[in-house]
Each structure stands twice: as structure tokens, then as C-alpha cells.
C-alpha atoms as a PDB file:
ATOM      1  CA  MET A   1      10.282  28.195  -7.182  1.00  0.00           C
ATOM      2  CA  SER A   2       8.391  29.487  -4.182  1.00  0.00           C
ATOM      3  CA  GLU A   3       8.911  29.189  -0.421  1.00  0.00           C
ATOM      4  CA  ARG A   4       5.164  29.368   0.163  1.00  0.00           C
ATOM      5  CA  LEU A   5       1.894  28.301  -1.426  1.00  0.00           C
ATOM      6  CA  ASN A   6       0.333  31.190  -3.301  1.00  0.00           C
ATOM      7  CA  ASP A   7      -3.412  31.452  -3.850  1.00  0.00           C
ATOM      8  CA  ARG A   8      -3.439  29.361  -7.045  1.00  0.00           C
ATOM      9  CA  MET A   9      -1.309  26.651  -5.454  1.00  0.00           C
ATOM     10  CA  ARG A  10      -3.586  26.519  -2.410  1.00  0.00           C
ATOM     11  CA  GLU A  11      -6.651  26.157  -4.619  1.00  0.00           C
ATOM     12  CA  PHE A  12      -4.898  23.436  -6.619  1.00  0.00           C
ATOM     13  CA  VAL A  13      -3.952  21.454  -3.502  1.00  0.00           C
ATOM     14  CA  ALA A  14      -7.436  21.736  -2.013  1.00  0.00           C
ATOM     15  CA  ARG A  15      -9.126  20.005  -4.966  1.00  0.00           C
ATOM     16  CA  GLN A  16      -6.705  17.120  -5.453  1.00  0.00           C
ATOM     17  CA  GLU A  17      -7.807  13.515  -4.898  1.00  0.00           C
ATOM     18  CA  MET A  18      -4.352  11.934  -4.912  1.00  0.00           C
ATOM     19  CA  PHE A  19      -0.628  12.554  -4.739  1.00  0.00           C
ATOM     20  CA  PHE A  20       2.666  10.683  -4.914  1.00  0.00           C
ATOM     21  CA  LEU A  21       4.785  10.667  -1.772  1.00  0.00           C
ATOM     22  CA  ALA A  22       8.559  10.346  -1.400  1.00  0.00           C
ATOM     23  CA  THR A  23      10.369   9.737   1.885  1.00  0.00           C
ATOM     24  CA  ALA A  24      13.722   8.331   2.986  1.00  0.00           C
ATOM     25  CA  ASP A  25      15.026   6.755   6.175  1.00  0.00           C
ATOM     26  CA  GLY A  26      17.935   7.932   8.258  1.00  0.00           C
ATOM     27  CA  ASP A  27      20.414   6.261   5.884  1.00  0.00           C
ATOM     28  CA  GLY A  28      18.877   7.846   2.801  1.00  0.00           C
ATOM     29  CA  VAL A  29      17.142   4.685   1.580  1.00  0.00           C
ATOM     30  CA  CYS A  30      14.144   6.093  -0.247  1.00  0.00           C
ATOM     31  CA  ASP A  31      10.554   4.958  -0.630  1.00  0.00           C
ATOM     32  CA  ASN A  32       7.804   6.089  -2.983  1.00  0.00           C
ATOM     33  CA  SER A  33       4.147   5.748  -2.099  1.00  0.00           C
ATOM     34  CA  PHE A  34       0.682   6.961  -3.060  1.00  0.00           C
ATOM     35  CA  ARG A  35      -2.063   8.698  -1.116  1.00  0.00           C
ATOM     36  CA  ALA A  36      -5.643   9.378  -2.126  1.00  0.00           C
ATOM     37  CA  GLY A  37      -8.919  10.601  -0.698  1.00  0.00           C
ATOM     38  CA  PRO A  38     -11.930  12.734  -1.515  1.00  0.00           C
ATOM     39  CA  PRO A  39     -11.225  16.297  -2.744  1.00  0.00           C
ATOM     40  CA  GLY A  40      -9.960  18.298   0.194  1.00  0.00           C
ATOM     41  CA  PHE A  41      -8.349  15.379   2.011  1.00  0.00           C
ATOM     42  CA  VAL A  42      -5.104  17.356   1.825  1.00  0.00           C
ATOM     43  CA  GLN A  43      -5.774  20.243   4.177  1.00  0.00           C
ATOM     44  CA  VAL A  44      -4.235  23.642   3.411  1.00  0.00           C
ATOM     45  CA  LEU A  45      -3.706  25.101   6.875  1.00  0.00           C
ATOM     46  CA  ASP A  46      -1.921  28.254   5.732  1.00  0.00           C
ATOM     47  CA  ASP A  47       0.487  29.350   3.001  1.00  0.00           C
ATOM     48  CA  ARG A  48       3.367  27.436   4.619  1.00  0.00           C
ATOM     49  CA  THR A  49       1.576  24.386   6.024  1.00  0.00           C
ATOM     50  CA  ILE A  50      -0.452  21.495   4.673  1.00  0.00           C
ATOM     51  CA  ALA A  51      -1.565  18.258   6.319  1.00  0.00           C
ATOM     52  CA  TYR A  52      -2.902  14.940   5.097  1.00  0.00           C
ATOM     53  CA  PRO A  53      -4.504  12.030   6.989  1.00  0.00           C
ATOM     54  CA  GLU A  54      -2.965   8.599   7.448  1.00  0.00           C
ATOM     55  CA  TYR A  55      -5.377   5.668   7.551  1.00  0.00           C
ATOM     56  CA  ARG A  56      -4.602   2.057   8.336  1.00  0.00           C
ATOM     57  CA  GLY A  57      -2.908   0.800   5.169  1.00  0.00           C
ATOM     58  CA  ASN A  58      -0.871  -2.202   4.093  1.00  0.00           C
ATOM     59  CA  GLY A  59       0.881  -2.540   7.450  1.00  0.00           C
ATOM     60  CA  VAL A  60       4.384  -1.877   6.093  1.00  0.00           C
ATOM     61  CA  MET A  61       4.508   1.602   7.658  1.00  0.00           C
ATOM     62  CA  ALA A  62       7.340   2.567   5.315  1.00  0.00           C
ATOM     63  CA  SER A  63       6.426   6.249   4.948  1.00  0.00           C
ATOM     64  CA  LEU A  64       5.658   6.894   8.606  1.00  0.00           C
ATOM     65  CA  GLY A  65       8.716   4.928   9.682  1.00  0.00           C
ATOM     66  CA  ASN A  66      10.899   7.009   7.387  1.00  0.00           C
ATOM     67  CA  ILE A  67       9.420  10.278   8.635  1.00  0.00           C
ATOM     68  CA  ARG A  68      10.268   9.286  12.219  1.00  0.00           C
ATOM     69  CA  GLU A  69      13.919   8.976  11.162  1.00  0.00           C
ATOM     70  CA  ASN A  70      14.094  11.688   8.513  1.00  0.00           C
ATOM     71  CA  PRO A  71      11.571  14.551   8.302  1.00  0.00           C
ATOM     72  CA  HIS A  72      12.371  15.492   4.698  1.00  0.00           C
ATOM     73  CA  ILE A  73       9.346  14.774   2.516  1.00  0.00           C
ATOM     74  CA  ALA A  74       8.289  15.379  -1.075  1.00  0.00           C
ATOM     75  CA  LEU A  75       4.772  15.420  -2.515  1.00  0.00           C
ATOM     76  CA  LEU A  76       3.882  15.435  -6.203  1.00  0.00           C
ATOM     77  CA  MET A  77       0.299  16.303  -7.104  1.00  0.00           C
ATOM     78  CA  ILE A  78      -0.819  15.951 -10.718  1.00  0.00           C
ATOM     79  CA  ASP A  79      -4.036  17.038 -12.361  1.00  0.00           C
ATOM     80  CA  PHE A  80      -4.434  14.527 -15.192  1.00  0.00           C
ATOM     81  CA  SER A  81      -7.894  15.527 -16.367  1.00  0.00           C
ATOM     82  CA  ARG A  82      -8.603  19.254 -16.148  1.00  0.00           C
ATOM     83  CA  ASP A  83      -5.464  21.372 -16.368  1.00  0.00           C
ATOM     84  CA  ARG A  84      -2.787  18.698 -17.003  1.00  0.00           C
ATOM     85  CA  ILE A  85      -0.313  20.297 -14.659  1.00  0.00           C
ATOM     86  CA  GLY A  86       1.566  19.247 -11.560  1.00  0.00           C
ATOM     87  CA  LEU A  87       2.784  20.752  -8.317  1.00  0.00           C
ATOM     88  CA  HIS A  88       5.812  19.712  -6.275  1.00  0.00           C
ATOM     89  CA  VAL A  89       5.737  20.432  -2.550  1.00  0.00           C
ATOM     90  CA  ASN A  90       8.889  19.672  -0.579  1.00  0.00           C
ATOM     91  CA  GLY A  91       9.239  20.271   3.113  1.00  0.00           C
ATOM     92  CA  GLN A  92       9.625  19.045   6.679  1.00  0.00           C
ATOM     93  CA  ALA A  93       7.093  16.583   8.080  1.00  0.00           C
ATOM     94  CA  ARG A  94       5.972  15.729  11.566  1.00  0.00           C
ATOM     95  CA  LEU A  95       3.421  13.211  12.804  1.00  0.00           C
ATOM     96  CA  VAL A  96       0.436  14.482  14.774  1.00  0.00           C
ATOM     97  CA  SER A  97      -2.219  12.291  16.356  1.00  0.00           C
ATOM     98  CA  ASP A  98      -5.790  12.802  15.187  1.00  0.00           C
ATOM     99  CA  GLU A  99      -6.856  13.905  18.674  1.00  0.00           C
ATOM    100  CA  VAL A 100      -4.178  16.605  18.912  1.00  0.00           C
ATOM    101  CA  MET A 101      -4.741  17.738  15.327  1.00  0.00           C
ATOM    102  CA  ARG A 102      -8.447  18.321  15.992  1.00  0.00           C
ATOM    103  CA  VAL A 103      -7.682  20.427  19.048  1.00  0.00           C
ATOM    104  CA  VAL A 104      -5.417  22.656  16.974  1.00  0.00           C
ATOM    105  CA  GLN A 105      -7.614  22.534  13.855  1.00  0.00           C
ATOM    106  CA  PRO A 106     -11.199  22.125  15.099  1.00  0.00           C
ATOM    107  CA  ASP A 107     -12.671  22.632  11.599  1.00  0.00           C
ATOM    108  CA  LEU A 108     -11.235  19.398  10.195  1.00  0.00           C
ATOM    109  CA  PRO A 109     -13.923  17.219   8.581  1.00  0.00           C
ATOM    110  CA  VAL A 110     -15.144  14.180  10.524  1.00  0.00           C
ATOM    111  CA  ASP A 111     -15.992  10.992   8.649  1.00  0.00           C
ATOM    112  CA  PRO A 112     -19.162   9.388  10.009  1.00  0.00           C
ATOM    113  CA  VAL A 113     -17.705   5.889   9.615  1.00  0.00           C
ATOM    114  CA  PRO A 114     -15.201   5.145  12.462  1.00  0.00           C
ATOM    115  CA  GLY A 115     -13.129   2.802  10.287  1.00  0.00           C
ATOM    116  CA  ARG A 116     -12.441   5.644   7.880  1.00  0.00           C
ATOM    117  CA  ARG A 117     -11.250   8.157  10.404  1.00  0.00           C
ATOM    118  CA  PRO A 118      -7.529   8.961  10.311  1.00  0.00           C
ATOM    119  CA  GLN A 119      -5.245   7.615  12.976  1.00  0.00           C
ATOM    120  CA  THR A 120      -2.496  10.153  12.373  1.00  0.00           C
ATOM    121  CA  TRP A 121      -1.928  13.316  10.390  1.00  0.00           C
ATOM    122  CA  VAL A 122       1.263  14.238   8.578  1.00  0.00           C
ATOM    123  CA  GLU A 123       1.818  17.970   8.903  1.00  0.00           C
ATOM    124  CA  VAL A 124       4.193  19.394   6.307  1.00  0.00           C
ATOM    125  CA  THR A 125       5.982  22.716   6.627  1.00  0.00           C
ATOM    126  CA  VAL A 126       6.649  23.887   3.080  1.00  0.00           C
ATOM    127  CA  ASP A 127      10.265  24.549   2.094  1.00  0.00           C
ATOM    128  CA  GLU A 128       9.644  24.907  -1.627  1.00  0.00           C
ATOM    129  CA  ALA A 129       6.801  24.589  -4.114  1.00  0.00           C
ATOM    130  CA  TYR A 130       7.163  24.569  -7.877  1.00  0.00           C
ATOM    131  CA  ILE A 131       5.448  23.534 -11.076  1.00  0.00           C
ATOM    132  CA  HIS A 132       5.651  20.166 -12.825  1.00  0.00           C
ATOM    133  CA  CYS A 133       5.299  21.019 -16.489  1.00  0.00           C
ATOM    134  CA  SER A 134       2.485  19.554 -18.568  1.00  0.00           C
ATOM    135  CA  LYS A 135       4.687  18.455 -21.478  1.00  0.00           C
ATOM    136  CA  HIS A 136       4.613  14.735 -20.635  1.00  0.00           C
ATOM    137  CA  ILE A 137       1.468  14.520 -18.510  1.00  0.00           C
ATOM    138  CA  PRO A 138      -1.134  12.382 -20.297  1.00  0.00           C
ATOM    139  CA  ARG A 139      -4.754  13.433 -20.281  1.00  0.00           C
ATOM    140  CA  LEU A 140      -6.688  10.879 -18.259  1.00  0.00           C
ATOM    141  CA  VAL A 141     -10.441  11.246 -18.137  1.00  0.00           C
ATOM    142  CA  PRO A 142     -11.866   9.595 -15.001  1.00  0.00           C
ATOM    143  CA  PRO A 143     -14.726   7.153 -15.622  1.00  0.00           C
ATOM    144  CA  PRO A 144     -17.977   7.415 -13.693  1.00  0.00           C
ATOM    145  CA  ARG A 145     -17.143   6.620 -10.085  1.00  0.00           C
ATOM    146  CA  ALA A 146     -17.803   2.963  -9.286  1.00  0.00           C
ATOM    147  CA  VAL A 147     -20.415   2.419  -6.642  1.00  0.00           C
ATOM    148  CA  ASP A 148     -19.250   0.313  -3.726  1.00  0.00           C
ATOM    149  CA  ALA A 149     -21.847  -2.314  -2.857  1.00  0.00           C
ATOM    150  CA  ALA A 150     -21.248  -1.964   0.871  1.00  0.00           C
ATOM    151  CA  ASP A 151     -21.918   1.736   1.412  1.00  0.00           C
ATOM    152  CA  GLY A 152     -22.502   3.290  -2.014  1.00  0.00           C
ATOM    153  CA  GLU A 153     -19.231   5.196  -2.225  1.00  0.00           C
ATOM    154  CA  GLN A 154     -15.472   4.872  -2.550  1.00  0.00           C
ATOM    155  CA  ALA A 155     -14.098   2.949   0.435  1.00  0.00           C
ATOM    156  CA  TRP A 156     -11.746   5.662   1.677  1.00  0.00           C
ATOM    157  CA  GLY A 157      -9.804   4.520   4.729  1.00  0.00           C
ATOM    158  CA  THR A 158     -11.629   1.205   5.073  1.00  0.00           C
ATOM    159  CA  ASP A 159     -10.283  -1.559   7.320  1.00  0.00           C
ATOM    160  CA  ASP A 160     -12.017  -4.241   5.249  1.00  0.00           C
ATOM    161  CA  VAL A 161      -9.202  -6.506   4.005  1.00  0.00           C
ATOM    162  CA  LYS A 162     -11.051  -7.550   0.844  1.00  0.00           C
ATOM    163  CA  ARG A 163     -11.916  -4.002  -0.151  1.00  0.00           C
ATOM    164  CA  LYS A 164      -8.316  -2.965   0.500  1.00  0.00           C
ATOM    165  CA  GLY A 165      -7.140  -5.495  -2.089  1.00  0.00           C
ATOM    166  CA  GLY A 166      -6.374  -8.511   0.085  1.00  0.00           C
ATOM    167  CA  ASP A 167      -3.480 -10.641  -1.137  1.00  0.00           C
ATOM    168  CA  TYR A 168      -3.825  -9.339  -4.720  1.00  0.00           C
ATOM    169  CA  PHE A 169      -0.238 -10.192  -5.726  1.00  0.00           C
ATOM    170  CA  GLY A 170      -0.319 -13.583  -3.990  1.00  0.00           C
ATOM    171  CA  VAL A 171       2.734 -13.044  -1.779  1.00  0.00           C
ATOM    172  CA  ALA A 172       1.073 -14.381   1.370  1.00  0.00           C
ATOM    173  CA  ALA A 173      -0.275 -17.391  -0.530  1.00  0.00           C
ATOM    174  CA  GLU A 174       3.179 -18.178  -1.935  1.00  0.00           C
ATOM    175  CA  ARG A 175       4.754 -18.096   1.532  1.00  0.00           C
ATOM    176  CA  THR A 176       1.984 -20.228   3.013  1.00  0.00           C
ATOM    177  CA  GLU A 177       2.403 -22.793   0.250  1.00  0.00           C
ATOM    178  CA  ALA A 178       6.182 -22.827   0.608  1.00  0.00           C
ATOM    179  CA  ALA A 179       5.946 -23.276   4.382  1.00  0.00           C
ATOM    180  CA  ALA A 180       3.647 -26.276   3.922  1.00  0.00           C
ATOM    181  CA  LEU A 181       6.127 -28.180   1.744  1.00  0.00           C
ATOM    182  CA  PRO A 182       8.134 -30.799   3.702  1.00  0.00           C
ATOM    183  CA  GLY A 183      11.712 -29.845   4.339  1.00  0.00           C
ATOM    184  CA  LEU A 184      11.334 -26.262   3.112  1.00  0.00           C
ATOM    185  CA  ASP A 185      11.432 -23.051   5.099  1.00  0.00           C
ATOM    186  CA  ALA A 186       8.895 -20.277   4.704  1.00  0.00           C
ATOM    187  CA  ALA A 187      11.288 -18.398   2.411  1.00  0.00           C
ATOM    188  CA  PRO A 188      10.631 -18.797  -1.337  1.00  0.00           C
ATOM    189  CA  PRO A 189      12.399 -22.022  -2.420  1.00  0.00           C
ATOM    190  CA  ASP A 190      15.152 -21.961  -4.996  1.00  0.00           C
ATOM    191  CA  ARG A 191      15.456 -24.243  -8.039  1.00  0.00           C
ATOM    192  CA  GLU A 192      17.584 -26.858  -6.220  1.00  0.00           C
ATOM    193  CA  SER A 193      15.099 -27.082  -3.321  1.00  0.00           C
ATOM    194  CA  TRP A 194      12.265 -27.702  -5.749  1.00  0.00           C
ATOM    195  CA  ARG A 195      14.289 -30.461  -7.465  1.00  0.00           C
ATOM    196  CA  LEU A 196      15.096 -32.209  -4.197  1.00  0.00           C
ATOM    197  CA  GLU A 197      11.483 -32.058  -3.040  1.00  0.00           C
ATOM    198  CA  ALA A 198      10.291 -33.476  -6.373  1.00  0.00           C
ATOM    199  CA  GLU A 199      12.743 -36.369  -6.039  1.00  0.00           C
ATOM    200  CA  ARG A 200      11.518 -37.094  -2.502  1.00  0.00           C
ATOM    201  CA  ALA A 201       7.890 -37.067  -3.665  1.00  0.00           C
ATOM    202  CA  LEU A 202       8.711 -39.409  -6.559  1.00  0.00           C
ATOM    203  CA  ALA A 203      10.539 -41.794  -4.218  1.00  0.00           C
ATOM    204  CA  ARG A 204       7.535 -41.898  -1.905  1.00  0.00           C
ATOM    205  CA  ALA A 205       5.264 -42.650  -4.856  1.00  0.00           C
ATOM    206  CA  ARG A 206       7.519 -45.489  -6.047  1.00  0.00           C
ATOM    207  CA  ARG A 207       7.581 -47.049  -2.589  1.00  0.00           C
ATOM    208  CA  GLY A 208       3.817 -46.875  -2.492  1.00  0.00           C
ATOM    209  CA  THR A 209       3.493 -48.516  -5.908  1.00  0.00           C
ATOM    210  CA  ALA A 210       5.780 -51.323  -4.765  1.00  0.00           C
ATOM    211  CA  GLY A 211       3.507 -51.834  -1.767  1.00  0.00           C
ATOM    212  CA  VAL A 212       0.486 -52.235  -4.045  1.00  0.00           C
ATOM    213  CA  ALA A 213       2.323 -54.875  -6.080  1.00  0.00           C
ATOM    214  CA  GLY A 214       3.320 -56.702  -2.891  1.00  0.00           C
ATOM    215  CA  SER A 215      -0.242 -56.736  -1.614  1.00  0.00           C
ATOM    216  CA  ALA A 216      -1.376 -58.755  -4.632  1.00  0.00           C
ATOM    217  CA  GLY A 217       0.835 -61.566  -3.395  1.00  0.00           C
ATOM    218  CA  GLY A 218      -0.279 -61.298   0.214  1.00  0.00           C
ATOM    219  CA  GLY A 219       2.262 -58.631   1.158  1.00  0.00           C
ATOM    220  CA  SER A 220       1.749 -55.115   2.456  1.00  0.00           C
ATOM    221  CA  THR A 221      -1.732 -53.635   2.257  1.00  0.00           C
ATOM    222  CA  GLY A 222      -0.274 -50.129   1.935  1.00  0.00           C
ATOM    223  CA  GLY A 223       0.355 -48.442  -1.337  1.00  0.00           C
ATOM    224  CA  PHE A 224       0.227 -45.307  -3.374  1.00  0.00           C
ATOM    225  CA  ARG A 225      -3.271 -43.861  -3.059  1.00  0.00           C
ATOM    226  CA  GLY A 226      -2.773 -40.617  -4.959  1.00  0.00           C
ATOM    227  CA  TRP A 227      -0.815 -37.452  -4.316  1.00  0.00           C
ATOM    228  CA  PHE A 228      -3.313 -36.127  -1.759  1.00  0.00           C
ATOM    229  CA  ALA A 229      -4.286 -39.391  -0.006  1.00  0.00           C
END
């Protein structure tokens, strides 16, 4: 256990492309997240301070919201391919705007694409740093980096919804579909709501069929014209 980042730890941090992030709100309700970027995206400012950029993400703002209430933060960086070892960094976090951060740290890299420039930096004062043993770390060999058709590289920090994953898990689509059903709220319907809606749809279909039969004898010209008529 160390209260600072020694030379080997600083070198390790500086070459990482990802880490796992743990935060908690003022009531202790925790959240786990993931951050990634090109090697060096986690900046080692000195042996007691590191900083990482925050780009526009999924819009939940869970990590940043937690940090505003509770500065305690934990980072876990794992090298899966070369050394199969991990590093825990626990400390106190504060949010710093990109403009202020660049005044204090003028040597920070600048991405040429505006949409990939950080909006905020999370500056972490290290309380403790210690090893995560390699015993259960699998060896993962990265494949050749996929080429992005838009700009020829990984889309770090992009604002493009599609390249960020869009509605991959279909949550937005489910809510939109539920909201469109007659008599149902936008919340996911339960089993009983589905049953009642099915009965209403069947009743409408039966009334329409009766109208078709009546029209043969000079009655109503309405009738069931299909589910999407």
C-alpha cells in the first residue's frame, strides 16, 4: 500500500487505455462505470495527482453526479495483455472545467476534432495505491484495431449517437412502443395490462367482423380491415 504513485505506477498509469471507476452518492449508493481513451488519456500530474477527461456520454451523469455529492473515488486499471497486473488508485476527486485545467496544465494534449474534446476533467488526489494481483486476470490479446469508416480511427469522445451505440439495448424503443399502446402509460406494462389490451383489441376486431357481415345484407359498410388499417 502506498500513499503516492511511485515511478513504476506512474509509468503504468500513463500507458493505460481504460479503467473501471467506482463512485457513490451522498447516501452511499454506489455506481460502477468504465472509462477509456488513447494511451495517456489518464494524465499523471505528479506523484499524488492524476486527472482524466470526461466526454459527453450516455447522459445519465451518474459518476459526475456522485462526485458532486461525495468526492471519494476508486479507479481500477488492469493490463490484460502485457503484464497481466492491476493497480488500484483510491482518492478524493474534484471536477475541473477544461478551460481551467488547461490554464493550470498548459501541456495537456488537444484533440483536433472539437466533438472529441473533453468538457470536464476529474482531478484525483491519491490517498492510496496498491497492486491487484495477477492470479485471476485473464490474458486478453487485443485484435488489430478496427478502422472507423468516418475518420479512420477509434471514435474517442464522439457525439455521434450511432457511433456511441445508439439504443443498443432497446430501452427507448420499448418505452416508445409502450407509450403508443392505447390505455397504457409510458412505463413498461405488466402482464395484466397486456391481457386487458389484448381483450380490447379482440373486441374491436369482432365488432368490425360483425360490420362486414351486416354490410352483405345492406347494413354497415364498416368492418375489420386488418390490424393496421
